[in-house]
Amino acid sequence: MDDDSRVATVARALAHPSRVRIVKLLAAQTECRGADVFGELPLAQSTISEHLRVLKDAGIVTSRPDGPGMVYCLAPGAFDDFIDAVTGIANTHCLVEGKGC
C-alpha cells in the first residue's frame, strides 16, 4: 500500500465521530478492555464492535484475547504517515497562501 493509500485508509476510518471517540478513549490508556469501551459509548455492542473492526482493518487499533473478552490498544505508529501527510498539506497550503502557518 502506498503512502497516499495508507493516509486515505486512516482518514476513512476516522471519518465517524464514534470511531474518533474510541481512538481518544484508547489513547488515554495503555490498554482497554472491550467491556470498558462498550461502557463508554451509548451504542449497541454490535455497533461498537463494527467500529473497532474498521479501526483494526485500518491498522489503527490492535487487539488480543484476555479471558472471555478482548483488550484493545492503539497500534504503535498508527498515525505517523497520516500526521506527516496532513502536516505537509497544511504547510504547503500556508506557503501558497502566504499565511506563514
N, C-alpha and C. Protein backbone atom coordinates (compact mmCIF):
# COMPACT_ATOMS: atom_id res chain seq x y z
N MET A 1 0.85 -1.17 0.00
CA MET A 1 0.00 0.00 0.00
C MET A 1 0.90 1.24 0.00
N ASP A 2 0.67 2.16 -0.94
CA ASP A 2 1.50 3.36 -0.99
C ASP A 2 1.08 4.34 0.10
N ASP A 3 1.89 5.38 0.30
CA ASP A 3 1.63 6.33 1.38
C ASP A 3 0.28 7.00 1.27
N ASP A 4 -0.10 7.43 0.06
CA ASP A 4 -1.39 8.10 -0.11
C ASP A 4 -2.55 7.17 0.22
N SER A 5 -2.44 5.91 -0.17
CA SER A 5 -3.49 4.94 0.14
C SER A 5 -3.58 4.71 1.65
N ARG A 6 -2.44 4.62 2.30
CA ARG A 6 -2.42 4.42 3.76
C ARG A 6 -3.06 5.61 4.47
N VAL A 7 -2.74 6.82 4.04
CA VAL A 7 -3.31 8.03 4.63
C VAL A 7 -4.83 8.04 4.42
N ALA A 8 -5.27 7.69 3.21
CA ALA A 8 -6.71 7.66 2.91
C ALA A 8 -7.43 6.61 3.75
N THR A 9 -6.79 5.48 3.98
CA THR A 9 -7.39 4.42 4.80
C THR A 9 -7.59 4.91 6.23
N VAL A 10 -6.60 5.57 6.78
CA VAL A 10 -6.72 6.10 8.14
C VAL A 10 -7.79 7.19 8.18
N ALA A 11 -7.81 8.06 7.18
CA ALA A 11 -8.80 9.14 7.14
C ALA A 11 -10.22 8.57 7.08
N ARG A 12 -10.43 7.55 6.27
CA ARG A 12 -11.76 6.92 6.19
C ARG A 12 -12.15 6.32 7.54
N ALA A 13 -11.20 5.67 8.19
CA ALA A 13 -11.50 5.05 9.48
C ALA A 13 -11.86 6.09 10.54
N LEU A 14 -11.28 7.28 10.43
CA LEU A 14 -11.55 8.34 11.41
C LEU A 14 -12.74 9.21 11.02
N ALA A 15 -13.40 8.88 9.94
CA ALA A 15 -14.47 9.72 9.41
C ALA A 15 -15.81 9.57 10.14
N HIS A 16 -15.82 8.85 11.23
CA HIS A 16 -17.05 8.69 12.01
C HIS A 16 -16.79 9.16 13.45
N PRO A 17 -17.66 10.00 13.99
CA PRO A 17 -17.43 10.52 15.35
C PRO A 17 -17.26 9.44 16.42
N SER A 18 -17.96 8.33 16.30
CA SER A 18 -17.82 7.27 17.30
C SER A 18 -16.44 6.64 17.24
N ARG A 19 -15.89 6.52 16.04
CA ARG A 19 -14.54 5.96 15.93
C ARG A 19 -13.50 6.93 16.47
N VAL A 20 -13.70 8.20 16.26
CA VAL A 20 -12.80 9.20 16.86
C VAL A 20 -12.87 9.09 18.37
N ARG A 21 -14.06 8.93 18.90
CA ARG A 21 -14.24 8.79 20.35
C ARG A 21 -13.51 7.55 20.88
N ILE A 22 -13.62 6.45 20.16
CA ILE A 22 -12.93 5.22 20.56
C ILE A 22 -11.42 5.43 20.55
N VAL A 23 -10.90 6.09 19.52
CA VAL A 23 -9.46 6.35 19.43
C VAL A 23 -9.02 7.22 20.60
N LYS A 24 -9.79 8.24 20.94
CA LYS A 24 -9.45 9.09 22.09
C LYS A 24 -9.46 8.29 23.39
N LEU A 25 -10.43 7.43 23.53
CA LEU A 25 -10.52 6.58 24.72
C LEU A 25 -9.29 5.68 24.83
N LEU A 26 -8.90 5.06 23.74
CA LEU A 26 -7.74 4.18 23.75
C LEU A 26 -6.44 4.96 23.93
N ALA A 27 -6.37 6.17 23.39
CA ALA A 27 -5.16 6.98 23.51
C ALA A 27 -4.90 7.40 24.96
N ALA A 28 -5.94 7.46 25.74
CA ALA A 28 -5.81 7.89 27.14
C ALA A 28 -5.36 6.76 28.06
N GLN A 29 -5.21 5.54 27.51
CA GLN A 29 -4.87 4.38 28.33
C GLN A 29 -3.81 3.53 27.63
N THR A 30 -3.11 2.74 28.39
CA THR A 30 -2.15 1.82 27.82
C THR A 30 -2.87 0.71 27.06
N GLU A 31 -3.93 0.21 27.65
CA GLU A 31 -4.79 -0.79 27.01
C GLU A 31 -6.18 -0.66 27.61
N CYS A 32 -7.16 -1.18 26.90
CA CYS A 32 -8.54 -1.00 27.32
C CYS A 32 -9.33 -2.27 27.05
N ARG A 33 -9.98 -2.77 28.05
CA ARG A 33 -10.82 -3.95 27.88
C ARG A 33 -12.05 -3.59 27.05
N GLY A 34 -12.49 -4.54 26.26
CA GLY A 34 -13.66 -4.32 25.43
C GLY A 34 -14.85 -3.85 26.22
N ALA A 35 -15.05 -4.42 27.40
CA ALA A 35 -16.19 -4.03 28.24
C ALA A 35 -16.11 -2.55 28.61
N ASP A 36 -14.89 -2.03 28.80
CA ASP A 36 -14.73 -0.61 29.11
C ASP A 36 -15.12 0.26 27.92
N VAL A 37 -14.73 -0.17 26.73
CA VAL A 37 -15.10 0.57 25.52
C VAL A 37 -16.62 0.55 25.37
N PHE A 38 -17.23 -0.62 25.54
CA PHE A 38 -18.67 -0.73 25.39
C PHE A 38 -19.41 0.12 26.42
N GLY A 39 -18.84 0.26 27.61
CA GLY A 39 -19.47 1.05 28.66
C GLY A 39 -19.34 2.55 28.47
N GLU A 40 -18.44 2.98 27.63
CA GLU A 40 -18.19 4.42 27.43
C GLU A 40 -19.03 5.05 26.33
N LEU A 41 -19.59 4.23 25.47
CA LEU A 41 -20.33 4.78 24.33
C LEU A 41 -21.80 4.37 24.40
N PRO A 42 -22.70 5.29 24.07
CA PRO A 42 -24.13 4.97 24.12
C PRO A 42 -24.60 4.28 22.83
N LEU A 43 -23.91 3.21 22.48
CA LEU A 43 -24.22 2.47 21.26
C LEU A 43 -24.34 0.99 21.58
N ALA A 44 -25.00 0.26 20.71
CA ALA A 44 -25.10 -1.18 20.88
C ALA A 44 -23.71 -1.81 20.78
N GLN A 45 -23.51 -2.89 21.51
CA GLN A 45 -22.22 -3.57 21.49
C GLN A 45 -21.85 -3.98 20.06
N SER A 46 -22.82 -4.41 19.28
CA SER A 46 -22.53 -4.83 17.90
C SER A 46 -22.04 -3.64 17.06
N THR A 47 -22.58 -2.46 17.31
CA THR A 47 -22.16 -1.26 16.58
C THR A 47 -20.73 -0.89 16.96
N ILE A 48 -20.42 -0.94 18.24
CA ILE A 48 -19.07 -0.63 18.70
C ILE A 48 -18.08 -1.66 18.15
N SER A 49 -18.49 -2.93 18.14
CA SER A 49 -17.63 -3.98 17.58
C SER A 49 -17.33 -3.70 16.11
N GLU A 50 -18.30 -3.23 15.37
CA GLU A 50 -18.09 -2.90 13.95
C GLU A 50 -17.12 -1.72 13.83
N HIS A 51 -17.27 -0.71 14.68
CA HIS A 51 -16.34 0.43 14.66
C HIS A 51 -14.92 -0.04 14.99
N LEU A 52 -14.79 -0.91 15.96
CA LEU A 52 -13.47 -1.45 16.31
C LEU A 52 -12.89 -2.26 15.15
N ARG A 53 -13.73 -3.00 14.43
CA ARG A 53 -13.26 -3.75 13.27
C ARG A 53 -12.70 -2.82 12.20
N VAL A 54 -13.41 -1.72 11.93
CA VAL A 54 -12.94 -0.75 10.93
C VAL A 54 -11.59 -0.18 11.36
N LEU A 55 -11.47 0.16 12.63
CA LEU A 55 -10.20 0.71 13.14
C LEU A 55 -9.08 -0.33 13.07
N LYS A 56 -9.39 -1.57 13.35
CA LYS A 56 -8.39 -2.64 13.24
C LYS A 56 -7.98 -2.85 11.79
N ASP A 57 -8.95 -2.88 10.89
CA ASP A 57 -8.65 -3.08 9.47
C ASP A 57 -7.78 -1.95 8.92
N ALA A 58 -7.92 -0.76 9.48
CA ALA A 58 -7.12 0.39 9.05
C ALA A 58 -5.74 0.41 9.71
N GLY A 59 -5.50 -0.53 10.64
CA GLY A 59 -4.21 -0.58 11.31
C GLY A 59 -4.05 0.42 12.44
N ILE A 60 -5.16 0.97 12.91
CA ILE A 60 -5.13 1.97 13.98
C ILE A 60 -5.19 1.30 15.35
N VAL A 61 -5.93 0.21 15.44
CA VAL A 61 -6.16 -0.48 16.71
C VAL A 61 -5.69 -1.93 16.59
N THR A 62 -5.12 -2.42 17.67
CA THR A 62 -4.79 -3.84 17.78
C THR A 62 -5.62 -4.43 18.91
N SER A 63 -5.73 -5.74 18.91
CA SER A 63 -6.48 -6.40 19.99
C SER A 63 -5.83 -7.73 20.31
N ARG A 64 -6.12 -8.19 21.50
CA ARG A 64 -5.66 -9.52 21.91
C ARG A 64 -6.68 -10.09 22.88
N PRO A 65 -6.84 -11.40 22.87
CA PRO A 65 -7.79 -12.02 23.80
C PRO A 65 -7.30 -11.87 25.24
N ASP A 66 -8.24 -11.73 26.13
CA ASP A 66 -7.95 -11.67 27.56
C ASP A 66 -9.10 -12.35 28.29
N GLY A 67 -8.92 -13.61 28.60
CA GLY A 67 -10.01 -14.38 29.19
C GLY A 67 -11.16 -14.44 28.22
N PRO A 68 -12.36 -14.16 28.69
CA PRO A 68 -13.53 -14.23 27.80
C PRO A 68 -13.69 -12.98 26.92
N GLY A 69 -12.90 -11.95 27.16
CA GLY A 69 -13.04 -10.70 26.40
C GLY A 69 -11.81 -10.38 25.58
N MET A 70 -11.75 -9.14 25.14
CA MET A 70 -10.64 -8.65 24.34
C MET A 70 -10.07 -7.39 24.98
N VAL A 71 -8.79 -7.16 24.72
CA VAL A 71 -8.12 -5.93 25.14
C VAL A 71 -7.72 -5.21 23.87
N TYR A 72 -8.00 -3.91 23.83
CA TYR A 72 -7.71 -3.10 22.65
C TYR A 72 -6.66 -2.05 22.98
N CYS A 73 -5.81 -1.75 22.00
CA CYS A 73 -4.77 -0.74 22.14
C CYS A 73 -4.62 -0.02 20.81
N LEU A 74 -4.08 1.20 20.87
CA LEU A 74 -3.71 1.86 19.63
C LEU A 74 -2.45 1.20 19.10
N ALA A 75 -2.40 1.00 17.81
CA ALA A 75 -1.22 0.39 17.19
C ALA A 75 -0.07 1.38 17.22
N PRO A 76 1.12 0.93 17.58
CA PRO A 76 2.27 1.84 17.57
C PRO A 76 2.49 2.44 16.18
N GLY A 77 2.67 3.73 16.13
CA GLY A 77 2.94 4.42 14.87
C GLY A 77 1.76 4.50 13.92
N ALA A 78 0.56 4.19 14.41
CA ALA A 78 -0.62 4.15 13.55
C ALA A 78 -0.89 5.47 12.83
N PHE A 79 -0.51 6.57 13.44
CA PHE A 79 -0.83 7.87 12.86
C PHE A 79 0.36 8.58 12.24
N ASP A 80 1.53 7.96 12.23
CA ASP A 80 2.74 8.64 11.75
C ASP A 80 2.60 9.16 10.32
N ASP A 81 2.25 8.29 9.38
CA ASP A 81 2.12 8.71 7.99
C ASP A 81 0.99 9.72 7.82
N PHE A 82 -0.10 9.50 8.55
CA PHE A 82 -1.25 10.40 8.47
C PHE A 82 -0.87 11.81 8.94
N ILE A 83 -0.20 11.89 10.07
CA ILE A 83 0.23 13.19 10.62
C ILE A 83 1.20 13.86 9.66
N ASP A 84 2.16 13.12 9.14
CA ASP A 84 3.11 13.68 8.19
C ASP A 84 2.41 14.24 6.96
N ALA A 85 1.44 13.49 6.44
CA ALA A 85 0.73 13.92 5.22
C ALA A 85 -0.10 15.17 5.48
N VAL A 86 -0.85 15.17 6.57
CA VAL A 86 -1.70 16.32 6.88
C VAL A 86 -0.85 17.55 7.18
N THR A 87 0.24 17.37 7.90
CA THR A 87 1.14 18.49 8.18
C THR A 87 1.75 19.03 6.89
N GLY A 88 2.14 18.13 6.00
CA GLY A 88 2.69 18.56 4.71
C GLY A 88 1.69 19.33 3.89
N ILE A 89 0.45 18.87 3.87
CA ILE A 89 -0.61 19.58 3.14
C ILE A 89 -0.84 20.96 3.76
N ALA A 90 -0.93 21.01 5.07
CA ALA A 90 -1.17 22.29 5.75
C ALA A 90 -0.03 23.26 5.50
N ASN A 91 1.20 22.78 5.59
CA ASN A 91 2.35 23.65 5.38
C ASN A 91 2.42 24.14 3.94
N THR A 92 2.12 23.27 2.98
CA THR A 92 2.13 23.67 1.58
C THR A 92 1.06 24.73 1.33
N HIS A 93 -0.12 24.51 1.88
CA HIS A 93 -1.22 25.47 1.72
C HIS A 93 -0.83 26.83 2.30
N CYS A 94 -0.23 26.82 3.47
CA CYS A 94 0.16 28.07 4.11
C CYS A 94 1.20 28.81 3.28
N LEU A 95 2.12 28.09 2.68
CA LEU A 95 3.14 28.72 1.85
C LEU A 95 2.53 29.32 0.58
N VAL A 96 1.62 28.55 -0.03
CA VAL A 96 0.97 29.02 -1.26
C VAL A 96 0.11 30.24 -0.96
N GLU A 97 -0.59 30.21 0.14
CA GLU A 97 -1.47 31.30 0.53
C GLU A 97 -0.69 32.47 1.14
N GLY A 98 0.60 32.24 1.45
CA GLY A 98 1.42 33.28 2.04
C GLY A 98 1.03 33.62 3.47
N LYS A 99 0.42 32.67 4.14
CA LYS A 99 -0.05 32.93 5.51
C LYS A 99 0.99 32.59 6.56
N GLY A 100 2.01 31.85 6.19
CA GLY A 100 3.06 31.52 7.15
C GLY A 100 2.56 30.83 8.39
N CYS A 101 1.88 29.73 8.21
CA CYS A 101 1.35 28.95 9.34
C CYS A 101 2.46 28.68 10.31
